[in-house]
Amino acid sequence: AIFWGPLIAFYNKRSQQEPPIDEAKRKLILNSAKAIPVASALLSPVGVQAAMNDPIVRPVTIPIDNLPSGLEGLKILQLTDVHLGLHIDADQFEKIAKSAQKYNPDLVVLTGDIADDYSKLGPALEHLKVLAPPLGIYACIGNHEIYRGRKTAERIYQEQGIHFLCDNGTTVERGGARFWLAGADDPARLFK
């Protein structure tokens, strides 16, 4: 009791003291807060316009030393952070599929944040099926799927015949060579 009394009195005394106000910091925070709506208003039309444009398929060559000959020329179409929803509709996936068809992808991977509106996910995935990649279509989770309801996303992927990888993987074989394809769960799961 002798120890706790002074400690509590000390905390009560300290908690009643106001810290000095840093006017420069206050001004910076207020000006930053004012800039957010302005930046949003200015950049929103740019984002909407970008969403309306035809998708761009950008081929990227990744050199890998000692790659087995069966994997030479392997083509993977990766889609990530599409955010199907208000500005991006399922028909964008039709445009993506048409743009990617000329590359004949061997494998399609969806690496998270594909949909903010799950009503658009099934129809969008239907468009990807026209690619008929010989090694399949695989998906993993993103934080937006976690926030919107991961079980629903998993169910839609399963209904569409999309292989779902989440903290697991599978062996994929091409031309007698094999590689391990794995999907990681999103760290956002730790906060849900």
C-alpha atoms as a PDB file:
ATOM      1  CA  ALA A   1       0.000   0.000   0.000  1.00  0.00           C
ATOM      2  CA  ILE A   2       2.903   2.324   0.703  1.00  0.00           C
ATOM      3  CA  PHE A   3       4.157   1.839  -2.897  1.00  0.00           C
ATOM      4  CA  TRP A   4       0.816   2.117  -4.715  1.00  0.00           C
ATOM      5  CA  GLY A   5      -0.377   5.280  -3.040  1.00  0.00           C
ATOM      6  CA  PRO A   6       2.400   7.543  -4.340  1.00  0.00           C
ATOM      7  CA  LEU A   7       2.278   5.897  -7.764  1.00  0.00           C
ATOM      8  CA  ILE A   8      -1.435   6.567  -8.167  1.00  0.00           C
ATOM      9  CA  ALA A   9      -1.060  10.102  -6.880  1.00  0.00           C
ATOM     10  CA  PHE A  10       1.771  10.675  -9.335  1.00  0.00           C
ATOM     11  CA  TYR A  11      -0.354   9.418 -12.277  1.00  0.00           C
ATOM     12  CA  ASN A  12      -3.340  11.508 -11.223  1.00  0.00           C
ATOM     13  CA  LYS A  13      -1.183  14.593 -10.955  1.00  0.00           C
ATOM     14  CA  ARG A  14       0.487  13.937 -14.342  1.00  0.00           C
ATOM     15  CA  SER A  15      -2.799  13.174 -16.128  1.00  0.00           C
ATOM     16  CA  GLN A  16      -4.162  16.592 -15.159  1.00  0.00           C
ATOM     17  CA  GLN A  17      -1.278  18.405 -16.828  1.00  0.00           C
ATOM     18  CA  GLU A  18      -1.887  19.391 -20.457  1.00  0.00           C
ATOM     19  CA  PRO A  19       0.980  18.779 -22.889  1.00  0.00           C
ATOM     20  CA  PRO A  20       2.174  21.893 -24.716  1.00  0.00           C
ATOM     21  CA  ILE A  21       0.513  22.457 -28.112  1.00  0.00           C
ATOM     22  CA  ASP A  22       2.830  22.254 -31.086  1.00  0.00           C
ATOM     23  CA  GLU A  23       1.311  24.824 -33.455  1.00  0.00           C
ATOM     24  CA  ALA A  24       3.437  23.723 -36.449  1.00  0.00           C
ATOM     25  CA  LYS A  25       2.293  20.105 -36.080  1.00  0.00           C
ATOM     26  CA  ARG A  26      -1.332  21.196 -35.631  1.00  0.00           C
ATOM     27  CA  LYS A  27      -1.168  23.319 -38.801  1.00  0.00           C
ATOM     28  CA  LEU A  28       0.395  20.443 -40.800  1.00  0.00           C
ATOM     29  CA  ILE A  29      -2.319  17.991 -39.697  1.00  0.00           C
ATOM     30  CA  LEU A  30      -5.144  20.442 -40.475  1.00  0.00           C
ATOM     31  CA  ASN A  31      -3.744  21.280 -43.919  1.00  0.00           C
ATOM     32  CA  SER A  32      -3.200  17.590 -44.692  1.00  0.00           C
ATOM     33  CA  ALA A  33      -6.793  16.824 -43.722  1.00  0.00           C
ATOM     34  CA  LYS A  34      -8.014  19.602 -46.034  1.00  0.00           C
ATOM     35  CA  ALA A  35      -5.980  18.202 -48.934  1.00  0.00           C
ATOM     36  CA  ILE A  36      -7.587  14.733 -48.853  1.00  0.00           C
ATOM     37  CA  PRO A  37     -11.002  15.766 -50.290  1.00  0.00           C
ATOM     38  CA  VAL A  38      -9.324  17.995 -52.864  1.00  0.00           C
ATOM     39  CA  ALA A  39      -6.994  15.196 -54.013  1.00  0.00           C
ATOM     40  CA  SER A  40      -9.911  12.751 -54.125  1.00  0.00           C
ATOM     41  CA  ALA A  41     -12.004  15.120 -56.223  1.00  0.00           C
ATOM     42  CA  LEU A  42      -9.154  15.746 -58.633  1.00  0.00           C
ATOM     43  CA  LEU A  43      -7.994  12.130 -58.992  1.00  0.00           C
ATOM     44  CA  SER A  44     -11.379  10.379 -59.019  1.00  0.00           C
ATOM     45  CA  PRO A  45     -12.142  11.256 -62.664  1.00  0.00           C
ATOM     46  CA  VAL A  46      -8.695   9.943 -63.637  1.00  0.00           C
ATOM     47  CA  GLY A  47      -9.451   6.603 -61.966  1.00  0.00           C
ATOM     48  CA  VAL A  48     -12.904   6.394 -63.543  1.00  0.00           C
ATOM     49  CA  GLN A  49     -11.472   7.164 -66.983  1.00  0.00           C
ATOM     50  CA  ALA A  50      -8.761   4.517 -66.536  1.00  0.00           C
ATOM     51  CA  ALA A  51     -11.420   1.982 -65.555  1.00  0.00           C
ATOM     52  CA  MET A  52     -13.354   2.703 -68.763  1.00  0.00           C
ATOM     53  CA  ASN A  53     -10.352   2.223 -71.053  1.00  0.00           C
ATOM     54  CA  ASP A  54      -9.492  -1.081 -72.652  1.00  0.00           C
ATOM     55  CA  PRO A  55      -7.140  -3.142 -70.523  1.00  0.00           C
ATOM     56  CA  ILE A  56      -3.478  -3.243 -71.428  1.00  0.00           C
ATOM     57  CA  VAL A  57      -1.769  -6.626 -71.454  1.00  0.00           C
ATOM     58  CA  ARG A  58       1.898  -6.007 -70.807  1.00  0.00           C
ATOM     59  CA  PRO A  59       4.193  -8.940 -71.659  1.00  0.00           C
ATOM     60  CA  VAL A  60       7.107  -9.328 -69.238  1.00  0.00           C
ATOM     61  CA  THR A  61       9.971 -11.745 -69.808  1.00  0.00           C
ATOM     62  CA  ILE A  62      11.571 -13.125 -66.667  1.00  0.00           C
ATOM     63  CA  PRO A  63      14.967 -14.720 -67.302  1.00  0.00           C
ATOM     64  CA  ILE A  64      15.622 -17.737 -65.074  1.00  0.00           C
ATOM     65  CA  ASP A  65      18.979 -19.496 -65.047  1.00  0.00           C
ATOM     66  CA  ASN A  66      18.907 -23.279 -65.447  1.00  0.00           C
ATOM     67  CA  LEU A  67      15.212 -23.354 -66.274  1.00  0.00           C
ATOM     68  CA  PRO A  68      14.142 -26.866 -67.296  1.00  0.00           C
ATOM     69  CA  SER A  69      13.464 -27.021 -71.032  1.00  0.00           C
ATOM     70  CA  GLY A  70       9.844 -28.057 -70.404  1.00  0.00           C
ATOM     71  CA  LEU A  71       9.200 -24.709 -68.751  1.00  0.00           C
ATOM     72  CA  GLU A  72      10.922 -22.623 -71.429  1.00  0.00           C
ATOM     73  CA  GLY A  73       8.415 -20.165 -72.895  1.00  0.00           C
ATOM     74  CA  LEU A  74       5.813 -20.766 -70.159  1.00  0.00           C
ATOM     75  CA  LYS A  75       3.220 -17.967 -70.343  1.00  0.00           C
ATOM     76  CA  ILE A  76       1.406 -16.890 -67.204  1.00  0.00           C
ATOM     77  CA  LEU A  77      -1.384 -14.313 -67.224  1.00  0.00           C
ATOM     78  CA  GLN A  78      -1.499 -12.626 -63.823  1.00  0.00           C
ATOM     79  CA  LEU A  79      -4.457 -10.504 -62.777  1.00  0.00           C
ATOM     80  CA  THR A  80      -4.289  -8.629 -59.493  1.00  0.00           C
ATOM     81  CA  ASP A  81      -6.057  -5.729 -57.796  1.00  0.00           C
ATOM     82  CA  VAL A  82      -8.829  -5.539 -60.389  1.00  0.00           C
ATOM     83  CA  HIS A  83     -11.425  -4.457 -57.807  1.00  0.00           C
ATOM     84  CA  LEU A  84     -14.564  -5.413 -59.705  1.00  0.00           C
ATOM     85  CA  GLY A  85     -17.185  -3.030 -58.429  1.00  0.00           C
ATOM     86  CA  LEU A  86     -18.460   0.459 -58.991  1.00  0.00           C
ATOM     87  CA  HIS A  87     -16.186   1.381 -61.919  1.00  0.00           C
ATOM     88  CA  ILE A  88     -14.925  -2.007 -63.116  1.00  0.00           C
ATOM     89  CA  ASP A  89     -17.528  -4.415 -64.442  1.00  0.00           C
ATOM     90  CA  ALA A  90     -17.405  -8.066 -65.491  1.00  0.00           C
ATOM     91  CA  ASP A  91     -17.183  -7.017 -69.139  1.00  0.00           C
ATOM     92  CA  GLN A  92     -13.660  -5.754 -68.409  1.00  0.00           C
ATOM     93  CA  PHE A  93     -12.703  -9.416 -67.964  1.00  0.00           C
ATOM     94  CA  GLU A  94     -14.089 -10.126 -71.414  1.00  0.00           C
ATOM     95  CA  LYS A  95     -11.813  -7.400 -72.783  1.00  0.00           C
ATOM     96  CA  ILE A  96      -8.886  -8.796 -70.788  1.00  0.00           C
ATOM     97  CA  ALA A  97      -9.518 -12.285 -72.163  1.00  0.00           C
ATOM     98  CA  LYS A  98      -9.704 -10.983 -75.734  1.00  0.00           C
ATOM     99  CA  SER A  99      -6.487  -8.984 -75.285  1.00  0.00           C
ATOM    100  CA  ALA A 100      -4.684 -11.936 -73.698  1.00  0.00           C
ATOM    101  CA  GLN A 101      -5.897 -14.585 -76.165  1.00  0.00           C
ATOM    102  CA  LYS A 102      -3.201 -13.781 -78.724  1.00  0.00           C
ATOM    103  CA  TYR A 103      -0.558 -14.700 -76.118  1.00  0.00           C
ATOM    104  CA  ASN A 104      -2.092 -18.148 -75.470  1.00  0.00           C
ATOM    105  CA  PRO A 105      -1.351 -18.195 -71.729  1.00  0.00           C
ATOM    106  CA  ASP A 106      -0.503 -21.592 -70.290  1.00  0.00           C
ATOM    107  CA  LEU A 107      -1.645 -20.574 -66.828  1.00  0.00           C
ATOM    108  CA  VAL A 108      -3.847 -17.825 -65.342  1.00  0.00           C
ATOM    109  CA  VAL A 109      -3.301 -16.641 -61.768  1.00  0.00           C
ATOM    110  CA  LEU A 110      -5.575 -14.279 -59.850  1.00  0.00           C
ATOM    111  CA  THR A 111      -3.462 -12.869 -57.045  1.00  0.00           C
ATOM    112  CA  GLY A 112      -5.952 -11.098 -54.805  1.00  0.00           C
ATOM    113  CA  ASP A 113      -8.287  -8.111 -54.595  1.00  0.00           C
ATOM    114  CA  ILE A 114     -10.175  -9.257 -57.678  1.00  0.00           C
ATOM    115  CA  ALA A 115     -13.644  -8.164 -56.548  1.00  0.00           C
ATOM    116  CA  ASP A 116     -15.177  -5.570 -54.272  1.00  0.00           C
ATOM    117  CA  ASP A 117     -18.662  -6.536 -55.518  1.00  0.00           C
ATOM    118  CA  TYR A 118     -19.130 -10.300 -55.477  1.00  0.00           C
ATOM    119  CA  SER A 119     -22.170 -10.150 -57.773  1.00  0.00           C
ATOM    120  CA  LYS A 120     -19.690  -9.403 -60.576  1.00  0.00           C
ATOM    121  CA  LEU A 121     -17.100 -12.062 -59.732  1.00  0.00           C
ATOM    122  CA  GLY A 122     -18.839 -15.137 -61.207  1.00  0.00           C
ATOM    123  CA  PRO A 123     -19.674 -13.491 -64.551  1.00  0.00           C
ATOM    124  CA  ALA A 124     -16.139 -12.061 -64.772  1.00  0.00           C
ATOM    125  CA  LEU A 125     -14.571 -15.485 -64.189  1.00  0.00           C
ATOM    126  CA  GLU A 126     -16.784 -16.943 -66.928  1.00  0.00           C
ATOM    127  CA  HIS A 127     -15.062 -14.603 -69.400  1.00  0.00           C
ATOM    128  CA  LEU A 128     -11.630 -15.936 -68.412  1.00  0.00           C
ATOM    129  CA  LYS A 129     -12.630 -19.501 -69.219  1.00  0.00           C
ATOM    130  CA  VAL A 130     -12.458 -18.755 -72.965  1.00  0.00           C
ATOM    131  CA  LEU A 131      -8.671 -18.628 -72.555  1.00  0.00           C
ATOM    132  CA  ALA A 132      -8.757 -22.348 -71.668  1.00  0.00           C
ATOM    133  CA  PRO A 133      -5.224 -22.278 -70.241  1.00  0.00           C
ATOM    134  CA  PRO A 134      -3.874 -25.854 -70.357  1.00  0.00           C
ATOM    135  CA  LEU A 135      -2.427 -25.590 -66.825  1.00  0.00           C
ATOM    136  CA  GLY A 136      -5.590 -24.075 -65.355  1.00  0.00           C
ATOM    137  CA  ILE A 137      -6.764 -20.981 -63.530  1.00  0.00           C
ATOM    138  CA  TYR A 138      -5.713 -20.447 -59.911  1.00  0.00           C
ATOM    139  CA  ALA A 139      -6.643 -17.822 -57.336  1.00  0.00           C
ATOM    140  CA  CYS A 140      -5.433 -16.719 -53.928  1.00  0.00           C
ATOM    141  CA  ILE A 141      -6.921 -14.315 -51.440  1.00  0.00           C
ATOM    142  CA  GLY A 142      -6.383 -10.580 -51.015  1.00  0.00           C
ATOM    143  CA  ASN A 143      -7.336  -8.241 -48.210  1.00  0.00           C
ATOM    144  CA  HIS A 144     -10.450  -7.071 -50.073  1.00  0.00           C
ATOM    145  CA  GLU A 145     -11.751 -10.641 -50.247  1.00  0.00           C
ATOM    146  CA  ILE A 146     -11.155 -10.923 -46.507  1.00  0.00           C
ATOM    147  CA  TYR A 147     -12.997  -7.668 -45.753  1.00  0.00           C
ATOM    148  CA  ARG A 148     -15.888  -8.500 -48.110  1.00  0.00           C
ATOM    149  CA  GLY A 149     -16.252 -12.100 -46.907  1.00  0.00           C
ATOM    150  CA  ARG A 150     -13.631 -14.666 -47.857  1.00  0.00           C
ATOM    151  CA  LYS A 151     -16.034 -17.637 -47.635  1.00  0.00           C
ATOM    152  CA  THR A 152     -18.185 -16.075 -50.340  1.00  0.00           C
ATOM    153  CA  ALA A 153     -15.139 -15.534 -52.564  1.00  0.00           C
ATOM    154  CA  GLU A 154     -13.979 -19.112 -51.993  1.00  0.00           C
ATOM    155  CA  ARG A 155     -17.451 -20.426 -52.860  1.00  0.00           C
ATOM    156  CA  ILE A 156     -17.601 -18.399 -56.096  1.00  0.00           C
ATOM    157  CA  TYR A 157     -14.133 -19.564 -57.156  1.00  0.00           C
ATOM    158  CA  GLN A 158     -15.156 -23.170 -56.458  1.00  0.00           C
ATOM    159  CA  GLU A 159     -18.445 -22.808 -58.379  1.00  0.00           C
ATOM    160  CA  GLN A 160     -16.495 -21.441 -61.354  1.00  0.00           C
ATOM    161  CA  GLY A 161     -13.978 -24.294 -61.261  1.00  0.00           C
ATOM    162  CA  ILE A 162     -11.115 -22.021 -60.250  1.00  0.00           C
ATOM    163  CA  HIS A 163      -8.421 -23.728 -58.166  1.00  0.00           C
ATOM    164  CA  PHE A 164      -8.088 -21.865 -54.876  1.00  0.00           C
ATOM    165  CA  LEU A 165      -4.682 -21.743 -53.195  1.00  0.00           C
ATOM    166  CA  CYS A 166      -4.457 -20.238 -49.739  1.00  0.00           C
ATOM    167  CA  ASP A 167      -1.400 -21.109 -47.674  1.00  0.00           C
ATOM    168  CA  ASN A 168      -1.034 -24.182 -49.820  1.00  0.00           C
ATOM    169  CA  GLY A 169       0.135 -25.133 -53.272  1.00  0.00           C
ATOM    170  CA  THR A 170       0.171 -27.716 -55.978  1.00  0.00           C
ATOM    171  CA  THR A 171       2.642 -29.252 -58.385  1.00  0.00           C
ATOM    172  CA  VAL A 172       2.152 -28.114 -61.971  1.00  0.00           C
ATOM    173  CA  GLU A 173       3.730 -30.051 -64.827  1.00  0.00           C
ATOM    174  CA  ARG A 174       4.559 -28.873 -68.329  1.00  0.00           C
ATOM    175  CA  GLY A 175       6.736 -30.579 -70.914  1.00  0.00           C
ATOM    176  CA  GLY A 176       7.990 -33.146 -68.410  1.00  0.00           C
ATOM    177  CA  ALA A 177       9.159 -30.421 -65.997  1.00  0.00           C
ATOM    178  CA  ARG A 178       7.460 -29.542 -62.730  1.00  0.00           C
ATOM    179  CA  PHE A 179       7.156 -26.485 -60.563  1.00  0.00           C
ATOM    180  CA  TRP A 180       5.392 -25.665 -57.316  1.00  0.00           C
ATOM    181  CA  LEU A 181       2.575 -23.103 -57.559  1.00  0.00           C
ATOM    182  CA  ALA A 182       1.595 -21.721 -54.164  1.00  0.00           C
ATOM    183  CA  GLY A 183      -0.780 -19.084 -52.850  1.00  0.00           C
ATOM    184  CA  ALA A 184      -0.289 -17.181 -49.611  1.00  0.00           C
ATOM    185  CA  ASP A 185      -3.066 -16.006 -47.358  1.00  0.00           C
ATOM    186  CA  ASP A 186      -3.291 -12.250 -46.946  1.00  0.00           C
ATOM    187  CA  PRO A 187      -1.939 -10.850 -43.648  1.00  0.00           C
ATOM    188  CA  ALA A 188      -5.264  -8.980 -43.234  1.00  0.00           C
ATOM    189  CA  ARG A 189      -6.694 -12.295 -41.950  1.00  0.00           C
ATOM    190  CA  LEU A 190      -4.857 -11.610 -38.694  1.00  0.00           C
ATOM    191  CA  PHE A 191      -7.126  -8.627 -38.025  1.00  0.00           C
ATOM    192  CA  LYS A 192     -10.492 -10.233 -38.872  1.00  0.00           C
END
